[in-house]
Amino acid sequence: MIGSNPAGVGTAEPLSDCARERVLSTVREEHPALVAFSETIHANPELGWQEHQAAAWTAEFLEGRGFSVERAYLGFPTAIRAVLGTGSRRIGLMAEYDALPGLGHACGHNIISAASVGAACALAEFAAEFDLSIELYGTPAEEGGGGKIELLKKGAFVGLDLAMMVHPSPVDSAVADPFAVAHQHVEYRGKSAHAAAYADQGVNANDAFLIAQLAIGLLRQQLPRETRVHGIQTRGGEAPNAIPEITQGRWYVRAESLSELGPLNERVNRCFEAGALATGCELEITPESEPYSEFRTETRALEIYTRQAQSLGRSFDAPPEQATMNRASTDMGNVSQIVPAIHPYIGLGCFPAANHQPEFAAHCIGEAANRAIHDGAAALALTALEYVGPWSASQNKTN
């Protein structure tokens, strides 16, 4: 579906000046409320699948603007779907609102939600006029839980003419080029024993993890350059004078595509198996979600977004080493395999502070964040209108 458009979509002429001003006027009017909404989510971080307040605040905001909101969408307590309009051209806007353990909103999902909500509000008055259905999806658990994948499995997003969101980053970057990723929970089970008096009676589950990590470290020299293998040990034992009986960890494996990810993941799992074999521990590897896919960009829509963002004063000329947030994995990649989609990155001008750092969380409120909300909402709305068209000469005259 790369670069393809549904029949009659994506061949429109540029927006009329009047339509553009209508979008910008709505975004300006809503901006104070959008900033307050974003700051509220930022101040109340919730982890994936637990975003009860953020989902409720998102629903309430849109209900107050005339949207019909389905809470607990498709049976997921923190998912929502808000709809305005019954047109044949369906625009899907994604709101992410989960935070990171120990870091809060260090990936700026509060800005994502505010920008998507703002875009939905800006598109609302065009619904009847241009045969639109404006659909905002509150999507839980992007940070490793695969919320969009679970929604996809139950039929969400299918049939959208365009799915969109903007993601905060140190700098603006247009093209999403994320790794496919597998998220796994790893557990070793051995046998506890007194580490001094009866050490020979123990089966050391911590040794198993150390052996696996050493094997992974050695494996990296044979891996393709564009791969990533990384993780943490979340449980290493209970006391220094007891042989660890249970150890646990979370591990991510990333590759250029799902087709490359499968064989790579098997190689990494053999390293974990080596730890079990060497120590006599039992091993259990459990996927935390289905794998995240690589991204398929709808090229026409991204060209429109880039031009519209530039018209708002955005620049896409940052040094490549500052724009690497576009390699971060996202479950929006799975959505892009089903419907036309874009996932540009909107800059906060804060490099070297970068995503998943406390310093970045601090930048996700304040002047730069507020501008990102404004520009993200406006650029998404303008992109949607120009993409779905059609903008005939007669329409341009009346608008």
Protein backbone atom coordinates (compact mmCIF):
# COMPACT_ATOMS: atom_id res chain seq x y z
CA MET A 1 0.00 0.00 0.00
CA ILE A 2 3.06 2.27 -0.09
CA GLY A 3 2.27 5.37 -2.11
CA SER A 4 -1.15 4.09 -3.13
CA ASN A 5 -4.45 5.91 -2.70
CA PRO A 6 -8.04 4.68 -2.61
CA ALA A 7 -10.05 5.65 -5.67
CA GLY A 8 -10.69 9.36 -5.73
CA VAL A 9 -8.53 10.09 -2.70
CA GLY A 10 -5.27 11.96 -2.61
CA THR A 11 -5.45 13.64 -6.03
CA ALA A 12 -6.88 16.90 -4.75
CA GLU A 13 -5.72 20.41 -5.53
CA PRO A 14 -4.23 22.51 -2.71
CA LEU A 15 -6.62 23.85 -0.10
CA SER A 16 -8.35 27.14 -0.57
CA ASP A 17 -7.08 30.01 1.55
CA CYS A 18 -10.46 30.26 3.22
CA ALA A 19 -10.51 26.61 4.25
CA ARG A 20 -6.99 26.93 5.60
CA GLU A 21 -7.92 29.96 7.67
CA ARG A 22 -10.96 28.16 9.07
CA VAL A 23 -8.71 25.35 10.30
CA LEU A 24 -6.20 27.73 11.83
CA SER A 25 -8.93 29.77 13.47
CA THR A 26 -10.37 26.71 15.21
CA VAL A 27 -6.95 25.55 16.38
CA ARG A 28 -6.20 29.01 17.78
CA GLU A 29 -9.54 29.09 19.55
CA GLU A 30 -9.07 25.63 21.08
CA HIS A 31 -5.38 26.03 21.87
CA PRO A 32 -5.70 27.13 25.54
CA ALA A 33 -7.99 24.19 26.28
CA LEU A 34 -5.68 21.80 24.41
CA VAL A 35 -2.67 22.99 26.41
CA ALA A 36 -4.56 22.51 29.68
CA PHE A 37 -5.62 19.03 28.53
CA SER A 38 -2.02 18.12 27.66
CA GLU A 39 -0.64 19.44 30.94
CA THR A 40 -3.24 17.51 32.92
CA ILE A 41 -2.24 14.22 31.26
CA HIS A 42 1.44 15.08 31.77
CA ALA A 43 0.90 15.72 35.47
CA ASN A 44 -0.95 12.42 35.94
CA PRO A 45 1.10 9.73 34.17
CA GLU A 46 -0.51 6.31 33.79
CA LEU A 47 1.12 3.14 32.49
CA GLY A 48 -0.13 1.10 29.56
CA TRP A 49 -3.60 -0.46 29.96
CA GLN A 50 -4.07 1.70 33.08
CA GLU A 51 -4.79 5.06 31.41
CA HIS A 52 -8.25 5.41 32.94
CA GLN A 53 -8.01 9.14 33.68
CA ALA A 54 -6.45 10.06 30.35
CA ALA A 55 -9.06 8.08 28.42
CA ALA A 56 -11.86 9.73 30.39
CA TRP A 57 -10.42 13.23 29.90
CA THR A 58 -10.07 12.62 26.16
CA ALA A 59 -13.64 11.38 25.93
CA GLU A 60 -14.99 14.33 27.91
CA PHE A 61 -13.12 16.87 25.80
CA LEU A 62 -14.57 15.52 22.56
CA GLU A 63 -18.06 14.97 23.94
CA GLY A 64 -18.03 18.66 24.80
CA ARG A 65 -17.38 19.42 21.11
CA GLY A 66 -20.24 17.32 19.77
CA PHE A 67 -18.46 14.02 19.16
CA SER A 68 -20.18 10.73 19.88
CA VAL A 69 -17.80 8.75 22.11
CA GLU A 70 -17.66 5.01 22.69
CA ARG A 71 -15.81 4.32 25.92
CA ALA A 72 -14.18 0.97 26.66
CA TYR A 73 -14.01 0.60 22.88
CA LEU A 74 -14.08 -3.02 21.68
CA GLY A 75 -13.92 -4.18 25.28
CA PHE A 76 -10.65 -2.46 26.23
CA PRO A 77 -11.29 -0.31 29.35
CA THR A 78 -8.87 2.48 28.38
CA ALA A 79 -9.60 2.61 24.64
CA ILE A 80 -12.08 5.07 23.15
CA ARG A 81 -13.50 5.90 19.73
CA ALA A 82 -14.95 9.35 19.13
CA VAL A 83 -16.82 10.06 15.89
CA LEU A 84 -18.30 13.15 14.29
CA GLY A 85 -19.91 12.98 10.86
CA THR A 86 -21.27 10.14 8.77
CA GLY A 87 -19.42 10.80 5.53
CA SER A 88 -17.88 8.25 3.23
CA ARG A 89 -14.36 9.64 3.63
CA ARG A 90 -12.97 8.42 6.95
CA ILE A 91 -10.11 10.20 8.72
CA GLY A 92 -8.58 8.40 11.70
CA LEU A 93 -6.59 10.33 14.30
CA MET A 94 -4.62 8.42 16.92
CA ALA A 95 -4.32 9.56 20.53
CA GLU A 96 -1.70 7.84 22.67
CA TYR A 97 -1.63 8.60 26.38
CA ASP A 98 0.38 5.95 28.23
CA ALA A 99 3.49 6.92 30.18
CA LEU A 100 6.79 5.20 30.98
CA PRO A 101 7.62 3.45 34.26
CA GLY A 102 9.70 5.77 36.41
CA LEU A 103 9.93 8.44 33.68
CA GLY A 104 6.37 9.67 33.30
CA HIS A 105 5.61 11.35 29.97
CA ALA A 106 9.18 11.19 28.70
CA CYS A 107 7.92 10.28 25.23
CA GLY A 108 5.39 13.10 25.02
CA HIS A 109 2.21 11.11 24.57
CA ASN A 110 0.34 13.99 26.21
CA ILE A 111 1.29 16.08 23.16
CA ILE A 112 0.16 13.32 20.80
CA SER A 113 -3.27 13.26 22.40
CA ALA A 114 -3.65 17.04 22.40
CA ALA A 115 -2.56 17.43 18.77
CA SER A 116 -4.91 14.69 17.57
CA VAL A 117 -7.81 16.06 19.60
CA GLY A 118 -7.10 19.53 18.21
CA ALA A 119 -7.04 18.21 14.65
CA ALA A 120 -10.35 16.44 15.21
CA CYS A 121 -11.92 19.67 16.46
CA ALA A 122 -10.56 21.61 13.48
CA LEU A 123 -12.01 19.07 11.04
CA ALA A 124 -15.40 18.92 12.73
CA GLU A 125 -16.99 21.84 10.90
CA PHE A 126 -16.02 20.31 7.53
CA ALA A 127 -17.75 16.97 8.18
CA ALA A 128 -21.04 17.58 6.36
CA GLU A 129 -19.51 19.96 3.84
CA PHE A 130 -16.95 17.47 2.55
CA ASP A 131 -18.54 14.11 3.29
CA LEU A 132 -16.23 13.30 6.20
CA SER A 133 -16.30 10.92 9.13
CA ILE A 134 -13.80 12.19 11.69
CA GLU A 135 -12.73 9.40 14.00
CA LEU A 136 -10.40 9.78 16.96
CA TYR A 137 -9.07 6.62 18.56
CA GLY A 138 -7.68 6.61 22.08
CA THR A 139 -5.15 3.79 21.82
CA PRO A 140 -3.73 2.31 25.04
CA ALA A 141 -0.36 0.76 25.78
CA GLU A 142 1.88 1.87 22.93
CA GLU A 143 4.95 1.56 25.17
CA GLY A 144 5.33 -2.19 24.73
CA GLY A 145 1.75 -3.39 25.12
CA GLY A 146 0.70 -3.23 21.47
CA GLY A 147 -2.64 -1.56 22.09
CA LYS A 148 -3.26 -0.76 18.44
CA ILE A 149 -2.49 -4.35 17.48
CA GLU A 150 -5.09 -5.64 19.91
CA LEU A 151 -7.60 -3.13 18.54
CA LEU A 152 -6.75 -4.20 14.99
CA LYS A 153 -7.45 -7.81 15.88
CA LYS A 154 -10.99 -6.78 16.84
CA GLY A 155 -11.62 -4.82 13.65
CA ALA A 156 -10.58 -1.25 14.52
CA PHE A 157 -9.23 1.10 11.85
CA VAL A 158 -10.25 -1.07 8.87
CA GLY A 159 -11.56 1.06 6.01
CA LEU A 160 -9.99 4.35 7.05
CA ASP A 161 -8.99 6.56 4.12
CA LEU A 162 -6.10 7.91 6.20
CA ALA A 163 -4.71 7.25 9.69
CA MET A 164 -2.54 9.97 11.25
CA MET A 165 -0.70 11.16 14.32
CA VAL A 166 2.33 13.28 15.18
CA HIS A 167 4.93 12.15 17.70
CA PRO A 168 7.15 14.48 19.76
CA SER A 169 10.89 14.35 19.10
CA PRO A 170 13.89 16.61 19.73
CA VAL A 171 13.57 17.86 16.11
CA ASP A 172 11.08 17.70 13.26
CA SER A 173 11.37 14.63 11.05
CA ALA A 174 8.86 13.65 8.39
CA VAL A 175 9.38 9.98 7.53
CA ALA A 176 8.72 7.22 10.04
CA ASP A 177 11.27 4.42 9.63
CA PRO A 178 10.79 2.34 12.78
CA PHE A 179 12.30 -1.02 13.58
CA ALA A 180 10.01 -4.02 13.79
CA VAL A 181 10.24 -5.22 17.38
CA ALA A 182 9.45 -8.23 19.56
CA HIS A 183 8.85 -7.69 23.30
CA GLN A 184 9.50 -10.68 25.55
CA HIS A 185 9.32 -11.56 29.22
CA VAL A 186 12.06 -13.98 30.29
CA GLU A 187 11.97 -16.10 33.45
CA TYR A 188 14.41 -18.66 34.83
CA ARG A 189 13.46 -21.03 37.66
CA GLY A 190 16.14 -22.77 39.67
CA LYS A 191 16.34 -23.87 43.29
CA SER A 192 17.11 -21.79 46.36
CA ALA A 193 19.66 -22.79 48.98
CA HIS A 194 21.86 -21.18 51.63
CA ALA A 195 24.68 -19.58 49.68
CA ALA A 196 27.34 -20.49 52.28
CA ALA A 197 26.19 -23.66 54.03
CA TYR A 198 24.38 -25.53 51.24
CA ALA A 199 25.46 -23.82 48.02
CA ASP A 200 25.84 -27.16 46.24
CA GLN A 201 22.13 -27.82 46.75
CA GLY A 202 21.09 -24.73 44.79
CA VAL A 203 20.36 -24.15 41.10
CA ASN A 204 21.29 -20.54 40.42
CA ALA A 205 18.76 -18.70 38.26
CA ASN A 206 20.87 -15.54 38.31
CA ASP A 207 23.78 -17.40 36.75
CA ALA A 208 21.45 -18.44 33.94
CA PHE A 209 20.65 -14.79 33.20
CA LEU A 210 24.33 -13.82 33.29
CA ILE A 211 25.22 -16.57 30.84
CA ALA A 212 22.42 -15.48 28.50
CA GLN A 213 23.51 -11.85 28.58
CA LEU A 214 27.11 -12.84 27.86
CA ALA A 215 25.95 -14.96 24.93
CA ILE A 216 23.86 -12.08 23.57
CA GLY A 217 26.84 -9.75 23.88
CA LEU A 218 28.96 -12.14 21.84
CA LEU A 219 26.14 -12.63 19.33
CA ARG A 220 26.02 -8.90 18.55
CA GLN A 221 29.29 -9.02 16.59
CA GLN A 222 27.59 -11.32 14.05
CA LEU A 223 24.31 -9.41 13.79
CA PRO A 224 23.38 -7.12 10.88
CA ARG A 225 24.11 -3.47 11.63
CA GLU A 226 20.48 -2.40 11.52
CA THR A 227 19.35 -4.56 14.43
CA ARG A 228 19.00 -3.91 18.14
CA VAL A 229 18.96 -6.33 21.09
CA HIS A 230 18.49 -4.87 24.56
CA GLY A 231 16.71 -5.45 27.83
CA ILE A 232 16.74 -5.38 31.60
CA GLN A 233 16.71 -7.86 34.43
CA THR A 234 13.75 -7.01 36.61
CA ARG A 235 14.32 -9.62 39.30
CA GLY A 236 17.73 -10.95 40.22
CA GLY A 237 17.18 -12.72 43.51
CA GLU A 238 15.89 -12.09 47.00
CA ALA A 239 18.92 -12.01 49.32
CA PRO A 240 22.70 -12.17 48.89
CA ASN A 241 22.98 -15.23 51.13
CA ALA A 242 20.36 -17.23 49.20
CA ILE A 243 20.95 -18.87 45.82
CA PRO A 244 18.48 -17.05 43.51
CA GLU A 245 15.59 -19.35 42.66
CA ILE A 246 13.72 -17.07 40.25
CA THR A 247 15.06 -14.38 37.94
CA GLN A 248 13.08 -12.37 35.42
CA GLY A 249 13.68 -9.80 32.72
CA ARG A 250 12.19 -7.95 29.78
CA TRP A 251 13.95 -8.12 26.43
CA TYR A 252 13.43 -6.34 23.09
CA VAL A 253 14.70 -7.53 19.72
CA ARG A 254 14.51 -5.15 16.74
CA ALA A 255 15.06 -5.61 13.01
CA GLU A 256 14.29 -3.78 9.77
CA SER A 257 11.13 -5.79 9.10
CA LEU A 258 8.94 -8.52 10.51
CA SER A 259 10.44 -10.96 8.01
CA GLU A 260 13.93 -10.27 9.39
CA LEU A 261 12.76 -10.14 12.99
CA GLY A 262 11.65 -13.77 13.22
CA PRO A 263 15.05 -15.41 12.52
CA LEU A 264 16.85 -12.83 14.67
CA ASN A 265 14.53 -13.47 17.59
CA GLU A 266 15.21 -17.21 17.33
CA ARG A 267 18.97 -16.56 17.60
CA VAL A 268 18.48 -14.42 20.70
CA ASN A 269 16.22 -17.02 22.28
CA ARG A 270 18.93 -19.64 21.83
CA CYS A 271 21.15 -17.45 24.01
CA PHE A 272 18.53 -17.64 26.74
CA GLU A 273 18.31 -21.38 26.21
CA ALA A 274 22.08 -21.56 26.72
CA GLY A 275 21.66 -20.05 30.17
CA ALA A 276 19.12 -22.70 31.09
CA LEU A 277 21.24 -25.53 29.69
CA ALA A 278 24.40 -24.43 31.49
CA THR A 279 22.75 -24.05 34.91
CA GLY A 280 19.98 -26.61 34.87
CA CYS A 281 17.28 -23.96 35.25
CA GLU A 282 13.87 -24.04 33.64
CA LEU A 283 13.24 -21.27 31.10
CA GLU A 284 9.99 -19.60 30.09
CA ILE A 285 9.87 -16.92 27.37
CA THR A 286 6.52 -15.15 27.02
CA PRO A 287 5.69 -12.50 24.39
CA GLU A 288 4.44 -9.28 26.00
CA SER A 289 2.62 -8.33 22.83
CA GLU A 290 2.48 -9.32 19.21
CA PRO A 291 5.46 -7.95 17.26
CA TYR A 292 5.36 -4.35 16.07
CA SER A 293 5.71 -3.99 12.32
CA GLU A 294 7.84 -1.77 10.14
CA PHE A 295 6.00 1.27 8.72
CA ARG A 296 4.38 1.82 5.32
CA THR A 297 4.13 5.54 4.64
CA GLU A 298 1.39 6.96 2.43
CA THR A 299 3.69 9.14 0.39
CA ARG A 300 1.12 11.58 -0.98
CA ALA A 301 -0.24 12.31 2.50
CA LEU A 302 3.25 12.78 3.92
CA GLU A 303 4.15 15.19 1.14
CA ILE A 304 1.09 17.24 2.04
CA TYR A 305 1.89 17.12 5.76
CA THR A 306 5.47 18.23 5.17
CA ARG A 307 4.38 21.18 3.04
CA GLN A 308 1.67 22.21 5.49
CA ALA A 309 4.03 21.94 8.46
CA GLN A 310 6.60 24.07 6.65
CA SER A 311 3.93 26.68 6.00
CA LEU A 312 3.51 26.87 9.78
CA GLY A 313 7.21 27.55 10.24
CA ARG A 314 8.39 23.97 10.77
CA SER A 315 11.77 22.91 9.36
CA PHE A 316 12.92 19.43 8.37
CA ASP A 317 16.64 20.14 7.95
CA ALA A 318 17.98 18.95 11.32
CA PRO A 319 21.22 16.93 11.22
CA PRO A 320 20.46 13.23 10.72
CA GLU A 321 21.97 12.27 14.08
CA GLN A 322 19.38 14.47 15.82
CA ALA A 323 16.42 13.03 13.89
CA THR A 324 16.80 9.36 14.81
CA MET A 325 13.60 9.21 16.86
CA ASN A 326 12.04 8.15 13.56
CA ARG A 327 13.69 4.73 14.09
CA ALA A 328 11.75 4.09 17.30
CA SER A 329 9.33 1.18 17.06
CA THR A 330 5.60 1.84 17.16
CA ASP A 331 2.43 -0.21 16.94
CA MET A 332 1.25 2.42 14.44
CA GLY A 333 3.39 0.40 12.02
CA ASN A 334 0.84 -2.41 12.22
CA VAL A 335 -1.95 0.04 11.42
CA SER A 336 0.02 1.24 8.39
CA GLN A 337 -0.01 -2.30 6.97
CA ILE A 338 -3.82 -2.16 6.81
CA VAL A 339 -4.71 1.43 5.85
CA PRO A 340 -2.87 4.46 4.41
CA ALA A 341 -0.99 6.14 7.26
CA ILE A 342 1.57 8.75 8.25
CA HIS A 343 3.50 9.15 11.51
CA PRO A 344 5.67 12.30 11.33
CA TYR A 345 7.68 13.61 14.26
CA ILE A 346 7.21 17.11 15.63
CA GLY A 347 10.22 18.76 17.22
CA LEU A 348 10.54 20.43 20.61
CA GLY A 349 13.91 21.99 19.74
CA CYS A 350 15.52 20.37 22.75
CA PHE A 351 18.38 18.20 21.44
CA PRO A 352 20.44 16.67 23.10
CA ALA A 353 17.52 16.05 25.46
CA ALA A 354 15.77 13.14 23.78
CA ASN A 355 12.88 10.75 24.25
CA HIS A 356 12.86 8.45 27.28
CA GLN A 357 14.99 10.84 29.34
CA PRO A 358 13.76 12.87 32.33
CA GLU A 359 15.01 15.99 30.55
CA PHE A 360 12.70 15.27 27.62
CA ALA A 361 9.73 14.80 29.93
CA ALA A 362 10.39 18.31 31.24
CA HIS A 363 10.24 19.68 27.68
CA CYS A 364 6.85 18.03 27.04
CA ILE A 365 5.15 20.95 28.78
CA GLY A 366 5.97 24.58 28.25
CA GLU A 367 6.37 26.92 25.30
CA ALA A 368 7.86 24.47 22.78
CA ALA A 369 5.33 21.78 23.69
CA ASN A 370 2.47 24.26 23.35
CA ARG A 371 3.66 25.24 19.89
CA ALA A 372 3.93 21.57 18.94
CA ILE A 373 0.32 21.06 19.96
CA HIS A 374 -0.78 23.99 17.81
CA ASP A 375 1.31 23.11 14.78
CA GLY A 376 0.63 19.38 15.03
CA ALA A 377 -3.14 19.86 15.23
CA ALA A 378 -3.17 22.37 12.37
CA ALA A 379 -0.86 20.36 10.09
CA LEU A 380 -2.82 17.13 10.62
CA ALA A 381 -6.16 18.82 9.92
CA LEU A 382 -4.85 20.61 6.84
CA THR A 383 -3.31 17.39 5.57
CA ALA A 384 -6.58 15.50 5.97
CA LEU A 385 -8.61 18.11 4.11
CA GLU A 386 -6.19 18.38 1.21
CA TYR A 387 -5.73 14.61 1.01
CA VAL A 388 -9.37 13.61 0.80
CA GLY A 389 -10.55 16.58 -1.37
CA PRO A 390 -11.68 16.88 -4.01
CA TRP A 391 -11.07 20.64 -4.15
CA SER A 392 -12.63 21.82 -7.41
CA ALA A 393 -12.30 25.34 -8.72
CA SER A 394 -15.92 26.03 -7.89
CA GLN A 395 -15.44 24.84 -4.33
CA ASN A 396 -12.40 27.05 -3.95
CA LYS A 397 -14.49 30.03 -5.02
CA THR A 398 -17.20 29.35 -2.45
CA ASN A 399 -14.77 28.58 0.36
